[in-house]
Amino acid sequence: MPIVFLHCECGCSIHVYVSKERFFRLEINPLSWQEEYSEKVRSEKIEEAKRFAKRLGAVFIDSGDSDNISCPKCERVYSVFDLKK
């Protein structure tokens, strides 16, 4: 479960969940991708990531199907596909 730790220029710390299919879109051959998380396991991991972000004073964002996420503090927009860089 890829979670990207992003520090916005405004000083806001953001933890972004990106689905493995979207994050590794160039490295994964979709025809041979076997690993599947049950919805329960996925939701448990996301809840743990939310608690971790809260402990650190960060904002947690689930990117879902969106190609872009925005900083909740300054509204700067980041591309999900550029988060790997």
PDB file of N, CA and C in Angstrom:
ATOM      1  N   MET A   1       0.841  -1.166   0.000  1.00  0.00           N
ATOM      2  CA  MET A   1       0.000   0.000   0.000  1.00  0.00           C
ATOM      3  C   MET A   1       0.894   1.239   0.000  1.00  0.00           C
ATOM      4  N   PRO A   2       1.092   1.876  -1.141  1.00  0.00           N
ATOM      5  CA  PRO A   2       1.963   3.042  -1.203  1.00  0.00           C
ATOM      6  C   PRO A   2       1.365   4.265  -0.502  1.00  0.00           C
ATOM      7  N   ILE A   3       2.111   4.793   0.438  1.00  0.00           N
ATOM      8  CA  ILE A   3       1.764   6.058   1.067  1.00  0.00           C
ATOM      9  C   ILE A   3       2.955   6.982   0.846  1.00  0.00           C
ATOM     10  N   VAL A   4       2.681   8.118   0.248  1.00  0.00           N
ATOM     11  CA  VAL A   4       3.720   9.080  -0.068  1.00  0.00           C
ATOM     12  C   VAL A   4       3.678  10.188   0.979  1.00  0.00           C
ATOM     13  N   PHE A   5       4.837  10.515   1.524  1.00  0.00           N
ATOM     14  CA  PHE A   5       4.954  11.591   2.502  1.00  0.00           C
ATOM     15  C   PHE A   5       5.384  12.842   1.751  1.00  0.00           C
ATOM     16  N   LEU A   6       4.543  13.847   1.793  1.00  0.00           N
ATOM     17  CA  LEU A   6       4.750  15.057   1.007  1.00  0.00           C
ATOM     18  C   LEU A   6       4.783  16.265   1.938  1.00  0.00           C
ATOM     19  N   HIS A   7       5.758  17.120   1.741  1.00  0.00           N
ATOM     20  CA  HIS A   7       5.830  18.373   2.492  1.00  0.00           C
ATOM     21  C   HIS A   7       5.564  19.503   1.509  1.00  0.00           C
ATOM     22  N   CYS A   8       4.414  20.124   1.668  1.00  0.00           N
ATOM     23  CA  CYS A   8       4.019  21.218   0.783  1.00  0.00           C
ATOM     24  C   CYS A   8       4.891  22.439   1.062  1.00  0.00           C
ATOM     25  N   GLU A   9       4.990  23.310   0.081  1.00  0.00           N
ATOM     26  CA  GLU A   9       5.775  24.532   0.234  1.00  0.00           C
ATOM     27  C   GLU A   9       5.247  25.431   1.349  1.00  0.00           C
ATOM     28  N   CYS A  10       3.965  25.286   1.693  1.00  0.00           N
ATOM     29  CA  CYS A  10       3.376  26.115   2.746  1.00  0.00           C
ATOM     30  C   CYS A  10       3.710  25.583   4.138  1.00  0.00           C
ATOM     31  N   GLY A  11       4.375  24.422   4.200  1.00  0.00           N
ATOM     32  CA  GLY A  11       4.756  23.844   5.484  1.00  0.00           C
ATOM     33  C   GLY A  11       3.839  22.730   5.953  1.00  0.00           C
ATOM     34  N   CYS A  12       2.769  22.486   5.236  1.00  0.00           N
ATOM     35  CA  CYS A  12       1.822  21.429   5.597  1.00  0.00           C
ATOM     36  C   CYS A  12       2.424  20.061   5.268  1.00  0.00           C
ATOM     37  N   SER A  13       2.334  19.143   6.212  1.00  0.00           N
ATOM     38  CA  SER A  13       2.804  17.775   5.991  1.00  0.00           C
ATOM     39  C   SER A  13       1.612  16.930   5.563  1.00  0.00           C
ATOM     40  N   ILE A  14       1.732  16.252   4.419  1.00  0.00           N
ATOM     41  CA  ILE A  14       0.622  15.494   3.843  1.00  0.00           C
ATOM     42  C   ILE A  14       1.056  14.055   3.612  1.00  0.00           C
ATOM     43  N   HIS A  15       0.224  13.111   4.030  1.00  0.00           N
ATOM     44  CA  HIS A  15       0.439  11.693   3.753  1.00  0.00           C
ATOM     45  C   HIS A  15      -0.623  11.299   2.732  1.00  0.00           C
ATOM     46  N   VAL A  16      -0.188  10.848   1.559  1.00  0.00           N
ATOM     47  CA  VAL A  16      -1.106  10.553   0.462  1.00  0.00           C
ATOM     48  C   VAL A  16      -1.120   9.057   0.184  1.00  0.00           C
ATOM     49  N   TYR A  17      -2.315   8.440   0.264  1.00  0.00           N
ATOM     50  CA  TYR A  17      -2.470   7.036  -0.120  1.00  0.00           C
ATOM     51  C   TYR A  17      -2.765   6.995  -1.609  1.00  0.00           C
ATOM     52  N   VAL A  18      -1.997   6.184  -2.326  1.00  0.00           N
ATOM     53  CA  VAL A  18      -2.204   5.979  -3.755  1.00  0.00           C
ATOM     54  C   VAL A  18      -2.329   4.476  -3.963  1.00  0.00           C
ATOM     55  N   SER A  19      -3.359   4.033  -4.671  1.00  0.00           N
ATOM     56  CA  SER A  19      -3.519   2.591  -4.888  1.00  0.00           C
ATOM     57  C   SER A  19      -2.294   2.043  -5.607  1.00  0.00           C
ATOM     58  N   LYS A  20      -1.956   0.795  -5.314  1.00  0.00           N
ATOM     59  CA  LYS A  20      -0.741   0.201  -5.894  1.00  0.00           C
ATOM     60  C   LYS A  20      -0.819   0.147  -7.413  1.00  0.00           C
ATOM     61  N   GLU A  21      -2.026  -0.041  -7.961  1.00  0.00           N
ATOM     62  CA  GLU A  21      -2.180  -0.104  -9.414  1.00  0.00           C
ATOM     63  C   GLU A  21      -1.842   1.237 -10.059  1.00  0.00           C
ATOM     64  N   ARG A  22      -2.206   2.327  -9.406  1.00  0.00           N
ATOM     65  CA  ARG A  22      -1.921   3.661  -9.955  1.00  0.00           C
ATOM     66  C   ARG A  22      -0.468   4.057  -9.706  1.00  0.00           C
ATOM     67  N   PHE A  23       0.044   3.760  -8.517  1.00  0.00           N
ATOM     68  CA  PHE A  23       1.399   4.168  -8.152  1.00  0.00           C
ATOM     69  C   PHE A  23       2.456   3.446  -8.983  1.00  0.00           C
ATOM     70  N   PHE A  24       2.246   2.151  -9.207  1.00  0.00           N
ATOM     71  CA  PHE A  24       3.214   1.340  -9.951  1.00  0.00           C
ATOM     72  C   PHE A  24       2.743   1.071 -11.375  1.00  0.00           C
ATOM     73  N   ARG A  25       1.991   1.970 -11.956  1.00  0.00           N
ATOM     74  CA  ARG A  25       1.345   1.725 -13.246  1.00  0.00           C
ATOM     75  C   ARG A  25       2.321   1.347 -14.348  1.00  0.00           C
ATOM     76  N   LEU A  26       3.548   1.830 -14.300  1.00  0.00           N
ATOM     77  CA  LEU A  26       4.520   1.508 -15.350  1.00  0.00           C
ATOM     78  C   LEU A  26       5.301   0.236 -15.048  1.00  0.00           C
ATOM     79  N   GLU A  27       5.409  -0.125 -13.765  1.00  0.00           N
ATOM     80  CA  GLU A  27       6.195  -1.295 -13.377  1.00  0.00           C
ATOM     81  C   GLU A  27       5.375  -2.586 -13.338  1.00  0.00           C
ATOM     82  N   ILE A  28       4.063  -2.457 -13.276  1.00  0.00           N
ATOM     83  CA  ILE A  28       3.202  -3.635 -13.115  1.00  0.00           C
ATOM     84  C   ILE A  28       2.584  -4.023 -14.448  1.00  0.00           C
ATOM     85  N   ASN A  29       2.716  -5.281 -14.777  1.00  0.00           N
ATOM     86  CA  ASN A  29       2.004  -5.831 -15.919  1.00  0.00           C
ATOM     87  C   ASN A  29       0.633  -6.258 -15.397  1.00  0.00           C
ATOM     88  N   PRO A  30      -0.436  -5.566 -15.789  1.00  0.00           N
ATOM     89  CA  PRO A  30      -1.748  -5.867 -15.215  1.00  0.00           C
ATOM     90  C   PRO A  30      -2.218  -7.298 -15.463  1.00  0.00           C
ATOM     91  N   LEU A  31      -1.699  -7.936 -16.488  1.00  0.00           N
ATOM     92  CA  LEU A  31      -2.123  -9.306 -16.767  1.00  0.00           C
ATOM     93  C   LEU A  31      -1.502 -10.304 -15.796  1.00  0.00           C
ATOM     94  N   SER A  32      -0.362  -9.954 -15.204  1.00  0.00           N
ATOM     95  CA  SER A  32       0.289 -10.890 -14.293  1.00  0.00           C
ATOM     96  C   SER A  32       0.206 -10.436 -12.836  1.00  0.00           C
ATOM     97  N   TRP A  33      -0.478  -9.352 -12.581  1.00  0.00           N
ATOM     98  CA  TRP A  33      -0.586  -8.840 -11.215  1.00  0.00           C
ATOM     99  C   TRP A  33      -1.512  -9.749 -10.416  1.00  0.00           C
ATOM    100  N   GLN A  34      -0.943 -10.475  -9.440  1.00  0.00           N
ATOM    101  CA  GLN A  34      -1.694 -11.480  -8.693  1.00  0.00           C
ATOM    102  C   GLN A  34      -2.120 -11.010  -7.310  1.00  0.00           C
ATOM    103  N   GLU A  35      -1.319 -10.130  -6.714  1.00  0.00           N
ATOM    104  CA  GLU A  35      -1.569  -9.769  -5.328  1.00  0.00           C
ATOM    105  C   GLU A  35      -2.840  -8.937  -5.186  1.00  0.00           C
ATOM    106  N   GLU A  36      -3.721  -9.379  -4.320  1.00  0.00           N
ATOM    107  CA  GLU A  36      -4.969  -8.667  -4.066  1.00  0.00           C
ATOM    108  C   GLU A  36      -5.157  -8.497  -2.574  1.00  0.00           C
ATOM    109  N   TYR A  37      -5.531  -7.315  -2.161  1.00  0.00           N
ATOM    110  CA  TYR A  37      -5.877  -7.088  -0.764  1.00  0.00           C
ATOM    111  C   TYR A  37      -7.390  -7.133  -0.639  1.00  0.00           C
ATOM    112  N   SER A  38      -7.855  -7.801   0.397  1.00  0.00           N
ATOM    113  CA  SER A  38      -9.289  -7.767   0.634  1.00  0.00           C
ATOM    114  C   SER A  38      -9.652  -6.350   1.051  1.00  0.00           C
ATOM    115  N   GLU A  39     -10.890  -5.997   0.890  1.00  0.00           N
ATOM    116  CA  GLU A  39     -11.338  -4.658   1.265  1.00  0.00           C
ATOM    117  C   GLU A  39     -11.128  -4.416   2.754  1.00  0.00           C
ATOM    118  N   LYS A  40     -11.288  -5.454   3.552  1.00  0.00           N
ATOM    119  CA  LYS A  40     -11.100  -5.309   4.999  1.00  0.00           C
ATOM    120  C   LYS A  40      -9.641  -4.984   5.325  1.00  0.00           C
ATOM    121  N   VAL A  41      -8.704  -5.710   4.733  1.00  0.00           N
ATOM    122  CA  VAL A  41      -7.284  -5.468   4.991  1.00  0.00           C
ATOM    123  C   VAL A  41      -6.903  -4.072   4.519  1.00  0.00           C
ATOM    124  N   ARG A  42      -7.385  -3.685   3.356  1.00  0.00           N
ATOM    125  CA  ARG A  42      -7.092  -2.353   2.820  1.00  0.00           C
ATOM    126  C   ARG A  42      -7.613  -1.279   3.769  1.00  0.00           C
ATOM    127  N   SER A  43      -8.840  -1.423   4.231  1.00  0.00           N
ATOM    128  CA  SER A  43      -9.405  -0.397   5.111  1.00  0.00           C
ATOM    129  C   SER A  43      -8.675  -0.353   6.451  1.00  0.00           C
ATOM    130  N   GLU A  44      -8.234  -1.516   6.954  1.00  0.00           N
ATOM    131  CA  GLU A  44      -7.461  -1.534   8.203  1.00  0.00           C
ATOM    132  C   GLU A  44      -6.135  -0.802   8.033  1.00  0.00           C
ATOM    133  N   LYS A  45      -5.470  -1.015   6.905  1.00  0.00           N
ATOM    134  CA  LYS A  45      -4.191  -0.351   6.651  1.00  0.00           C
ATOM    135  C   LYS A  45      -4.381   1.157   6.499  1.00  0.00           C
ATOM    136  N   ILE A  46      -5.448   1.557   5.854  1.00  0.00           N
ATOM    137  CA  ILE A  46      -5.715   2.983   5.692  1.00  0.00           C
ATOM    138  C   ILE A  46      -6.021   3.626   7.039  1.00  0.00           C
ATOM    139  N   GLU A  47      -6.795   2.944   7.886  1.00  0.00           N
ATOM    140  CA  GLU A  47      -7.096   3.484   9.218  1.00  0.00           C
ATOM    141  C   GLU A  47      -5.824   3.639  10.046  1.00  0.00           C
ATOM    142  N   GLU A  48      -4.928   2.671   9.963  1.00  0.00           N
ATOM    143  CA  GLU A  48      -3.655   2.765  10.686  1.00  0.00           C
ATOM    144  C   GLU A  48      -2.818   3.937  10.157  1.00  0.00           C
ATOM    145  N   ALA A  49      -2.814   4.120   8.839  1.00  0.00           N
ATOM    146  CA  ALA A  49      -2.072   5.232   8.239  1.00  0.00           C
ATOM    147  C   ALA A  49      -2.665   6.575   8.669  1.00  0.00           C
ATOM    148  N   LYS A  50      -3.989   6.648   8.796  1.00  0.00           N
ATOM    149  CA  LYS A  50      -4.643   7.875   9.265  1.00  0.00           C
ATOM    150  C   LYS A  50      -4.241   8.184  10.701  1.00  0.00           C
ATOM    151  N   ARG A  51      -4.212   7.154  11.551  1.00  0.00           N
ATOM    152  CA  ARG A  51      -3.808   7.355  12.949  1.00  0.00           C
ATOM    153  C   ARG A  51      -2.350   7.815  13.028  1.00  0.00           C
ATOM    154  N   PHE A  52      -1.493   7.217  12.208  1.00  0.00           N
ATOM    155  CA  PHE A  52      -0.076   7.589  12.179  1.00  0.00           C
ATOM    156  C   PHE A  52       0.088   9.053  11.758  1.00  0.00           C
ATOM    157  N   ALA A  53      -0.624   9.447  10.702  1.00  0.00           N
ATOM    158  CA  ALA A  53      -0.548  10.833  10.226  1.00  0.00           C
ATOM    159  C   ALA A  53      -1.026  11.798  11.310  1.00  0.00           C
ATOM    160  N   LYS A  54      -2.097  11.428  11.995  1.00  0.00           N
ATOM    161  CA  LYS A  54      -2.637  12.288  13.055  1.00  0.00           C
ATOM    162  C   LYS A  54      -1.629  12.449  14.190  1.00  0.00           C
ATOM    163  N   ARG A  55      -0.957  11.346  14.569  1.00  0.00           N
ATOM    164  CA  ARG A  55       0.060  11.422  15.625  1.00  0.00           C
ATOM    165  C   ARG A  55       1.191  12.371  15.244  1.00  0.00           C
ATOM    166  N   LEU A  56       1.507  12.430  13.959  1.00  0.00           N
ATOM    167  CA  LEU A  56       2.588  13.299  13.487  1.00  0.00           C
ATOM    168  C   LEU A  56       2.122  14.725  13.188  1.00  0.00           C
ATOM    169  N   GLY A  57       0.821  14.958  13.313  1.00  0.00           N
ATOM    170  CA  GLY A  57       0.286  16.282  12.994  1.00  0.00           C
ATOM    171  C   GLY A  57       0.175  16.526  11.506  1.00  0.00           C
ATOM    172  N   ALA A  58       0.098  15.452  10.731  1.00  0.00           N
ATOM    173  CA  ALA A  58       0.016  15.557   9.272  1.00  0.00           C
ATOM    174  C   ALA A  58      -1.429  15.366   8.821  1.00  0.00           C
ATOM    175  N   VAL A  59      -1.672  15.674   7.571  1.00  0.00           N
ATOM    176  CA  VAL A  59      -2.978  15.488   6.954  1.00  0.00           C
ATOM    177  C   VAL A  59      -2.920  14.212   6.126  1.00  0.00           C
ATOM    178  N   PHE A  60      -3.948  13.344   6.231  1.00  0.00           N
ATOM    179  CA  PHE A  60      -4.011  12.119   5.433  1.00  0.00           C
ATOM    180  C   PHE A  60      -4.998  12.332   4.298  1.00  0.00           C
ATOM    181  N   ILE A  61      -4.586  11.982   3.085  1.00  0.00           N
ATOM    182  CA  ILE A  61      -5.453  12.098   1.914  1.00  0.00           C
ATOM    183  C   ILE A  61      -5.451  10.772   1.171  1.00  0.00           C
ATOM    184  N   ASP A  62      -6.643  10.245   0.881  1.00  0.00           N
ATOM    185  CA  ASP A  62      -6.789   9.064   0.027  1.00  0.00           C
ATOM    186  C   ASP A  62      -7.043   9.593  -1.375  1.00  0.00           C
ATOM    187  N   SER A  63      -6.101   9.371  -2.285  1.00  0.00           N
ATOM    188  CA  SER A  63      -6.226   9.946  -3.628  1.00  0.00           C
ATOM    189  C   SER A  63      -7.355   9.318  -4.427  1.00  0.00           C
ATOM    190  N   GLY A  64      -7.775   8.111  -4.045  1.00  0.00           N
ATOM    191  CA  GLY A  64      -8.876   7.462  -4.753  1.00  0.00           C
ATOM    192  C   GLY A  64      -8.594   7.346  -6.232  1.00  0.00           C
ATOM    193  N   ASP A  65      -9.549   7.746  -7.059  1.00  0.00           N
ATOM    194  CA  ASP A  65      -9.393   7.685  -8.512  1.00  0.00           C
ATOM    195  C   ASP A  65      -8.928   9.009  -9.104  1.00  0.00           C
ATOM    196  N   SER A  66      -8.651   9.968  -8.242  1.00  0.00           N
ATOM    197  CA  SER A  66      -8.263  11.294  -8.712  1.00  0.00           C
ATOM    198  C   SER A  66      -6.806  11.305  -9.178  1.00  0.00           C
ATOM    199  N   ASP A  67      -6.539  12.053 -10.232  1.00  0.00           N
ATOM    200  CA  ASP A  67      -5.170  12.203 -10.727  1.00  0.00           C
ATOM    201  C   ASP A  67      -4.421  13.300  -9.979  1.00  0.00           C
ATOM    202  N   ASN A  68      -5.151  14.127  -9.255  1.00  0.00           N
ATOM    203  CA  ASN A  68      -4.543  15.243  -8.539  1.00  0.00           C
ATOM    204  C   ASN A  68      -5.037  15.294  -7.100  1.00  0.00           C
ATOM    205  N   ILE A  69      -4.175  15.775  -6.226  1.00  0.00           N
ATOM    206  CA  ILE A  69      -4.569  16.045  -4.846  1.00  0.00           C
ATOM    207  C   ILE A  69      -4.168  17.487  -4.560  1.00  0.00           C
ATOM    208  N   SER A  70      -4.843  18.091  -3.603  1.00  0.00           N
ATOM    209  CA  SER A  70      -4.489  19.468  -3.272  1.00  0.00           C
ATOM    210  C   SER A  70      -4.215  19.593  -1.785  1.00  0.00           C
ATOM    211  N   CYS A  71      -3.324  20.488  -1.460  1.00  0.00           N
ATOM    212  CA  CYS A  71      -2.979  20.770  -0.074  1.00  0.00           C
ATOM    213  C   CYS A  71      -4.201  21.401   0.591  1.00  0.00           C
ATOM    214  N   PRO A  72      -4.627  20.875   1.731  1.00  0.00           N
ATOM    215  CA  PRO A  72      -5.802  21.447   2.388  1.00  0.00           C
ATOM    216  C   PRO A  72      -5.541  22.834   2.982  1.00  0.00           C
ATOM    217  N   LYS A  73      -4.282  23.187   3.134  1.00  0.00           N
ATOM    218  CA  LYS A  73      -3.938  24.476   3.745  1.00  0.00           C
ATOM    219  C   LYS A  73      -3.843  25.595   2.701  1.00  0.00           C
ATOM    220  N   CYS A  74      -3.076  25.356   1.623  1.00  0.00           N
ATOM    221  CA  CYS A  74      -2.861  26.416   0.623  1.00  0.00           C
ATOM    222  C   CYS A  74      -3.506  26.101  -0.730  1.00  0.00           C
ATOM    223  N   GLU A  75      -4.062  24.900  -0.873  1.00  0.00           N
ATOM    224  CA  GLU A  75      -4.756  24.447  -2.086  1.00  0.00           C
ATOM    225  C   GLU A  75      -3.841  24.268  -3.298  1.00  0.00           C
ATOM    226  N   ARG A  76      -2.527  24.173  -3.076  1.00  0.00           N
ATOM    227  CA  ARG A  76      -1.620  23.863  -4.185  1.00  0.00           C
ATOM    228  C   ARG A  76      -1.942  22.458  -4.685  1.00  0.00           C
ATOM    229  N   VAL A  77      -1.947  22.270  -5.994  1.00  0.00           N
ATOM    230  CA  VAL A  77      -2.326  20.997  -6.603  1.00  0.00           C
ATOM    231  C   VAL A  77      -1.078  20.202  -6.968  1.00  0.00           C
ATOM    232  N   TYR A  78      -1.102  18.909  -6.615  1.00  0.00           N
ATOM    233  CA  TYR A  78      -0.022  17.985  -6.946  1.00  0.00           C
ATOM    234  C   TYR A  78      -0.594  16.848  -7.777  1.00  0.00           C
ATOM    235  N   SER A  79       0.157  16.415  -8.781  1.00  0.00           N
ATOM    236  CA  SER A  79      -0.244  15.263  -9.584  1.00  0.00           C
ATOM    237  C   SER A  79       0.152  13.989  -8.848  1.00  0.00           C
ATOM    238  N   VAL A  80      -0.757  13.045  -8.779  1.00  0.00           N
ATOM    239  CA  VAL A  80      -0.479  11.761  -8.135  1.00  0.00           C
ATOM    240  C   VAL A  80       0.680  11.062  -8.834  1.00  0.00           C
ATOM    241  N   PHE A  81       0.782  11.232 -10.134  1.00  0.00           N
ATOM    242  CA  PHE A  81       1.816  10.546 -10.897  1.00  0.00           C
ATOM    243  C   PHE A  81       3.198  11.162 -10.691  1.00  0.00           C
ATOM    244  N   ASP A  82       3.257  12.397 -10.218  1.00  0.00           N
ATOM    245  CA  ASP A  82       4.540  13.046  -9.949  1.00  0.00           C
ATOM    246  C   ASP A  82       5.034  12.790  -8.532  1.00  0.00           C
ATOM    247  N   LEU A  83       4.234  12.157  -7.685  1.00  0.00           N
ATOM    248  CA  LEU A  83       4.612  11.943  -6.293  1.00  0.00           C
ATOM    249  C   LEU A  83       5.756  10.951  -6.141  1.00  0.00           C
ATOM    250  N   LYS A  84       5.978  10.104  -7.147  1.00  0.00           N
ATOM    251  CA  LYS A  84       7.067   9.116  -7.076  1.00  0.00           C
ATOM    252  C   LYS A  84       8.431   9.752  -7.242  1.00  0.00           C
ATOM    253  N   LYS A  85       8.492  10.922  -7.802  1.00  0.00           N
ATOM    254  CA  LYS A  85       9.773  11.564  -8.120  1.00  0.00           C
ATOM    255  C   LYS A  85      10.447  12.090  -6.893  1.00  0.00           C
TER     256      LYS A  85
END
